[in-house]
N, C-alpha and C. Protein backbone atom coordinates (compact mmCIF):
# COMPACT_ATOMS: atom_id res chain seq x y z
N MET A 1 0.52 -1.16 -0.14
CA MET A 1 0.24 -0.13 -0.13
C MET A 1 0.73 1.18 -0.28
N PRO A 2 1.22 2.43 -1.09
CA PRO A 2 1.46 3.19 -0.93
C PRO A 2 1.30 4.11 0.12
N LEU A 3 2.30 4.93 0.54
CA LEU A 3 2.19 5.66 1.48
C LEU A 3 1.96 7.71 1.17
N SER A 4 1.80 8.49 1.47
CA SER A 4 2.50 9.87 1.30
C SER A 4 1.75 10.90 2.56
N ALA A 5 2.56 11.73 3.10
CA ALA A 5 2.15 12.64 3.83
C ALA A 5 1.94 14.15 2.91
N ILE A 6 1.32 15.06 3.88
CA ILE A 6 1.05 16.28 2.89
C ILE A 6 1.58 16.94 4.13
N SER A 7 2.42 17.92 3.78
CA SER A 7 3.09 18.43 4.75
C SER A 7 2.25 20.03 5.07
N GLN A 8 2.84 20.23 6.02
CA GLN A 8 1.91 21.68 6.79
C GLN A 8 2.36 23.06 5.85
N GLY A 9 1.86 23.60 5.55
CA GLY A 9 1.85 24.69 4.49
C GLY A 9 2.24 24.55 2.77
N ASP A 10 1.38 23.52 2.89
CA ASP A 10 2.17 22.85 1.59
C ASP A 10 3.70 23.12 0.57
N ARG A 11 4.71 23.08 1.20
CA ARG A 11 6.13 23.18 1.23
C ARG A 11 6.46 22.08 -0.09
N GLN A 12 5.59 20.48 0.10
CA GLN A 12 6.38 20.13 -0.61
C GLN A 12 5.84 19.95 -2.13
N SER A 13 4.99 21.05 -1.86
CA SER A 13 4.26 22.18 -3.71
C SER A 13 5.63 22.24 -4.52
N GLU A 14 6.85 22.93 -4.07
CA GLU A 14 7.61 23.59 -4.18
C GLU A 14 8.07 22.18 -5.56
N PRO A 15 8.29 22.96 -6.48
CA PRO A 15 8.88 22.60 -8.14
C PRO A 15 9.94 21.61 -7.96
N ALA A 16 11.02 21.75 -6.71
CA ALA A 16 12.38 21.45 -6.50
C ALA A 16 12.52 19.80 -5.76
N VAL A 17 11.06 19.95 -5.44
CA VAL A 17 10.98 19.11 -4.43
C VAL A 17 10.07 17.71 -5.39
N GLY A 18 10.91 16.49 -5.37
CA GLY A 18 9.53 14.59 -5.69
C GLY A 18 8.69 14.92 -5.29
N ARG A 19 8.21 14.37 -5.76
CA ARG A 19 6.26 13.74 -4.72
C ARG A 19 6.65 12.27 -4.62
N PRO A 20 6.46 11.41 -3.49
CA PRO A 20 6.10 9.76 -4.12
C PRO A 20 5.37 9.17 -4.47
N HIS A 21 3.77 9.86 -5.52
CA HIS A 21 3.37 9.39 -6.72
C HIS A 21 4.02 9.44 -8.03
N ASP A 22 5.14 10.12 -7.81
CA ASP A 22 5.91 10.83 -9.24
C ASP A 22 6.90 9.24 -9.06
N GLY A 23 7.14 8.38 -7.84
CA GLY A 23 8.59 8.02 -7.47
C GLY A 23 9.17 8.59 -6.99
N ALA A 24 9.31 9.52 -6.69
CA ALA A 24 10.79 10.03 -5.80
C ALA A 24 10.45 9.57 -4.39
N ASP A 25 12.40 8.95 -4.44
CA ASP A 25 12.59 8.69 -2.86
C ASP A 25 13.11 9.93 -1.98
N LEU A 26 11.90 10.79 -0.97
CA LEU A 26 11.86 11.58 -0.27
C LEU A 26 12.64 11.44 0.82
N VAL A 27 13.31 10.34 1.00
CA VAL A 27 14.28 9.56 2.34
C VAL A 27 15.87 9.65 2.23
N SER A 28 16.11 10.71 2.50
CA SER A 28 17.18 11.42 2.51
C SER A 28 18.00 11.14 4.18
N GLU A 29 19.51 11.05 4.55
CA GLU A 29 20.51 11.15 5.10
C GLU A 29 20.21 12.18 5.52
N VAL A 30 20.34 12.64 6.88
CA VAL A 30 20.42 14.03 7.80
C VAL A 30 20.94 14.76 7.43
N PRO A 31 20.38 15.68 6.83
CA PRO A 31 21.51 17.62 6.44
C PRO A 31 22.05 17.20 7.32
N HIS A 32 23.00 18.31 6.29
CA HIS A 32 24.25 18.75 7.23
C HIS A 32 23.89 19.15 8.11
N ASP A 33 23.07 20.48 7.71
CA ASP A 33 22.79 22.02 8.35
C ASP A 33 21.87 21.11 9.61
N ARG A 34 21.73 20.20 9.95
CA ARG A 34 20.88 20.35 10.94
C ARG A 34 21.54 19.23 11.94
N PHE A 35 22.08 18.74 12.16
CA PHE A 35 23.15 17.87 13.01
C PHE A 35 24.29 17.37 12.26
N ASN A 36 25.54 17.09 12.80
CA ASN A 36 26.24 15.98 12.70
C ASN A 36 25.49 14.10 13.49
N ILE A 37 25.34 13.96 11.81
CA ILE A 37 24.59 12.35 11.74
C ILE A 37 26.03 11.59 12.63
N ASN A 38 26.89 11.98 12.39
CA ASN A 38 27.85 10.55 12.95
C ASN A 38 28.32 11.16 15.01
N ASN A 39 28.35 12.03 14.90
CA ASN A 39 27.91 12.68 16.95
C ASN A 39 27.18 11.62 18.05
N PHE A 40 26.03 10.89 16.88
CA PHE A 40 24.96 10.39 17.35
C PHE A 40 24.29 9.16 16.97
N TYR A 41 24.88 8.77 15.68
CA TYR A 41 24.46 6.98 15.54
C TYR A 41 25.61 6.27 15.99
N ASP A 42 24.55 5.44 16.55
CA ASP A 42 25.72 3.73 16.54
C ASP A 42 23.97 2.72 16.52
N SER A 43 24.63 1.59 15.75
CA SER A 43 23.89 0.64 15.32
C SER A 43 23.79 -0.67 16.23
N ASP A 44 24.56 -0.11 17.20
CA ASP A 44 24.27 -1.11 18.58
C ASP A 44 23.26 -0.94 19.57
N PRO A 45 21.69 -1.19 19.88
CA PRO A 45 20.70 -1.39 20.18
C PRO A 45 21.33 -1.74 21.94
N SER A 46 21.71 -1.75 22.37
CA SER A 46 21.94 -1.93 23.56
C SER A 46 22.75 0.02 24.43
N LYS A 47 22.99 0.48 23.41
CA LYS A 47 23.79 1.57 23.56
C LYS A 47 22.88 2.40 23.15
N THR A 48 22.70 3.42 24.84
CA THR A 48 21.58 4.42 25.05
C THR A 48 21.87 5.17 24.40
N GLY A 49 20.90 6.88 24.46
CA GLY A 49 21.04 8.37 23.90
C GLY A 49 21.65 7.72 22.40
N ALA A 50 21.85 7.50 21.91
CA ALA A 50 21.95 7.04 20.25
C ALA A 50 20.60 7.06 19.11
N VAL A 51 20.82 7.18 18.04
CA VAL A 51 20.53 7.30 16.94
C VAL A 51 20.20 5.81 15.87
N ARG A 52 19.36 5.14 15.93
CA ARG A 52 19.98 3.97 15.52
C ARG A 52 19.71 4.35 13.74
N ASN A 53 19.22 5.09 13.46
CA ASN A 53 18.90 5.28 12.03
C ASN A 53 19.33 6.83 10.85
N ARG A 54 19.92 6.78 10.33
CA ARG A 54 20.72 7.70 9.28
C ARG A 54 20.13 8.48 8.51
N CYS A 55 19.25 8.25 8.23
CA CYS A 55 18.51 9.12 7.48
C CYS A 55 16.65 8.92 8.03
N GLY A 56 15.79 9.99 6.72
CA GLY A 56 14.36 9.86 7.74
C GLY A 56 13.97 11.35 6.19
N GLY A 57 12.75 11.72 6.89
CA GLY A 57 12.31 12.81 5.49
C GLY A 57 12.35 14.33 6.00
N PHE A 58 13.03 14.85 5.27
CA PHE A 58 13.43 16.00 5.48
C PHE A 58 13.12 17.16 4.74
N MET A 59 12.42 18.42 5.23
CA MET A 59 12.20 19.40 4.26
C MET A 59 13.32 20.16 4.10
N ASP A 60 13.30 21.02 2.78
CA ASP A 60 14.33 21.92 2.61
C ASP A 60 14.05 22.90 3.10
N LYS A 61 14.89 24.03 3.57
CA LYS A 61 14.93 25.36 3.64
C LYS A 61 14.18 25.72 5.48
N ILE A 62 13.84 24.55 6.12
CA ILE A 62 13.36 24.16 7.16
C ILE A 62 13.96 25.87 8.12
N LEU A 63 14.74 26.17 8.60
CA LEU A 63 15.54 27.20 8.87
C LEU A 63 14.95 28.46 8.58
N SER A 64 14.50 28.66 7.11
CA SER A 64 13.91 29.52 6.88
C SER A 64 12.71 30.67 6.73
N LEU A 65 13.37 32.47 7.49
CA LEU A 65 11.52 32.55 7.96
C LEU A 65 12.04 33.58 7.86
N ASP A 66 10.88 34.77 7.00
CA ASP A 66 10.75 35.77 6.42
C ASP A 66 10.78 36.81 7.67
N ALA A 67 11.21 37.27 8.63
CA ALA A 67 10.83 37.82 9.87
C ALA A 67 10.25 39.06 9.83
N GLU A 68 10.94 39.76 9.45
CA GLU A 68 10.01 40.83 8.86
C GLU A 68 8.70 40.76 8.50
N PHE A 69 8.22 40.21 7.56
CA PHE A 69 7.15 39.81 6.89
C PHE A 69 6.16 39.36 8.34
N PHE A 70 6.76 38.59 8.80
CA PHE A 70 5.52 38.24 10.48
C PHE A 70 5.91 39.12 11.76
N GLY A 71 6.94 40.25 10.93
CA GLY A 71 7.09 41.39 11.92
C GLY A 71 7.43 40.73 13.28
N LEU A 72 8.89 40.17 13.23
CA LEU A 72 9.69 39.46 14.31
C LEU A 72 10.96 40.06 14.02
N PHE A 73 11.32 40.85 15.52
CA PHE A 73 12.97 40.73 16.02
C PHE A 73 13.72 39.61 14.53
N PRO A 74 14.74 39.59 14.33
CA PRO A 74 15.88 38.78 13.45
C PRO A 74 15.92 37.05 14.63
N ALA A 75 16.23 38.99 16.06
CA ALA A 75 16.83 37.57 16.94
C ALA A 75 15.72 36.85 17.53
N HIS A 76 14.74 37.07 17.27
CA HIS A 76 13.72 36.36 17.85
C HIS A 76 13.28 35.35 17.02
N ALA A 77 13.37 35.32 15.83
CA ALA A 77 13.22 34.57 14.51
C ALA A 77 14.16 33.41 14.86
N ALA A 78 15.44 33.95 14.42
CA ALA A 78 16.09 32.67 14.81
C ALA A 78 16.11 31.53 16.01
N ARG A 79 15.75 31.97 17.17
CA ARG A 79 15.65 31.16 18.45
C ARG A 79 13.48 29.92 17.94
N ILE A 80 13.25 31.36 16.92
CA ILE A 80 11.98 30.01 17.62
C ILE A 80 11.72 28.74 16.33
N ASP A 81 11.27 27.63 17.07
CA ASP A 81 11.35 25.82 16.95
C ASP A 81 10.82 26.32 15.36
N PRO A 82 11.30 25.40 14.43
CA PRO A 82 11.20 25.33 12.59
C PRO A 82 9.34 25.36 12.46
N GLN A 83 9.40 24.42 13.60
CA GLN A 83 7.91 23.73 13.38
C GLN A 83 6.73 24.84 13.95
N GLN A 84 7.06 26.00 14.66
CA GLN A 84 6.36 27.26 14.98
C GLN A 84 6.32 28.11 13.20
N HIS A 85 7.96 27.67 11.75
CA HIS A 85 7.52 28.67 11.25
C HIS A 85 7.15 28.20 10.03
N LEU A 86 6.16 26.25 10.43
CA LEU A 86 5.91 25.90 9.65
C LEU A 86 4.10 26.79 9.25
N THR A 87 3.80 26.81 10.83
CA THR A 87 2.72 26.93 11.16
C THR A 87 2.26 28.81 11.12
N LEU A 88 2.53 29.38 11.48
CA LEU A 88 3.24 30.81 10.82
C LEU A 88 2.69 31.10 9.18
N GLU A 89 3.11 30.19 8.19
CA GLU A 89 3.40 30.33 7.10
C GLU A 89 1.62 29.15 6.26
N ALA A 90 1.58 28.29 7.04
CA ALA A 90 0.42 27.47 6.53
C ALA A 90 -0.67 27.94 7.02
N THR A 91 -0.58 28.71 8.79
CA THR A 91 -1.95 29.79 8.84
C THR A 91 -2.10 31.33 7.28
N TYR A 92 -0.73 32.01 7.70
CA TYR A 92 -0.90 32.63 6.44
C TYR A 92 -1.67 32.62 5.54
N MET A 93 -0.79 31.30 4.74
CA MET A 93 -1.67 30.65 2.84
C MET A 93 -2.76 30.11 3.25
N LYS A 94 -3.50 30.07 4.45
CA LYS A 94 -5.14 29.63 4.18
C LYS A 94 -5.91 30.65 4.45
N LEU A 95 -5.29 31.75 5.55
CA LEU A 95 -6.32 33.42 5.33
C LEU A 95 -6.88 33.24 4.00
């Protein structure tokens, strides 16, 4: 059974991003701008505090937010969780 996820804010509609129904593989290794996977990965299941897989589904440009557009100070915007970025963008697009 095929499985597809619809992302918050319709970011998946960007032309550079593949779509599962087009046969695109949207799973990749953890991007370097997120964190260094080599510092956390360990295949030993008995080791605590380690990440067991090196791959996942990641959105591009997740850390970008137009702070000025949303009336935020840049320093504040830099500290906002990426999920809040997505919520702001999705809410604006749906208004």
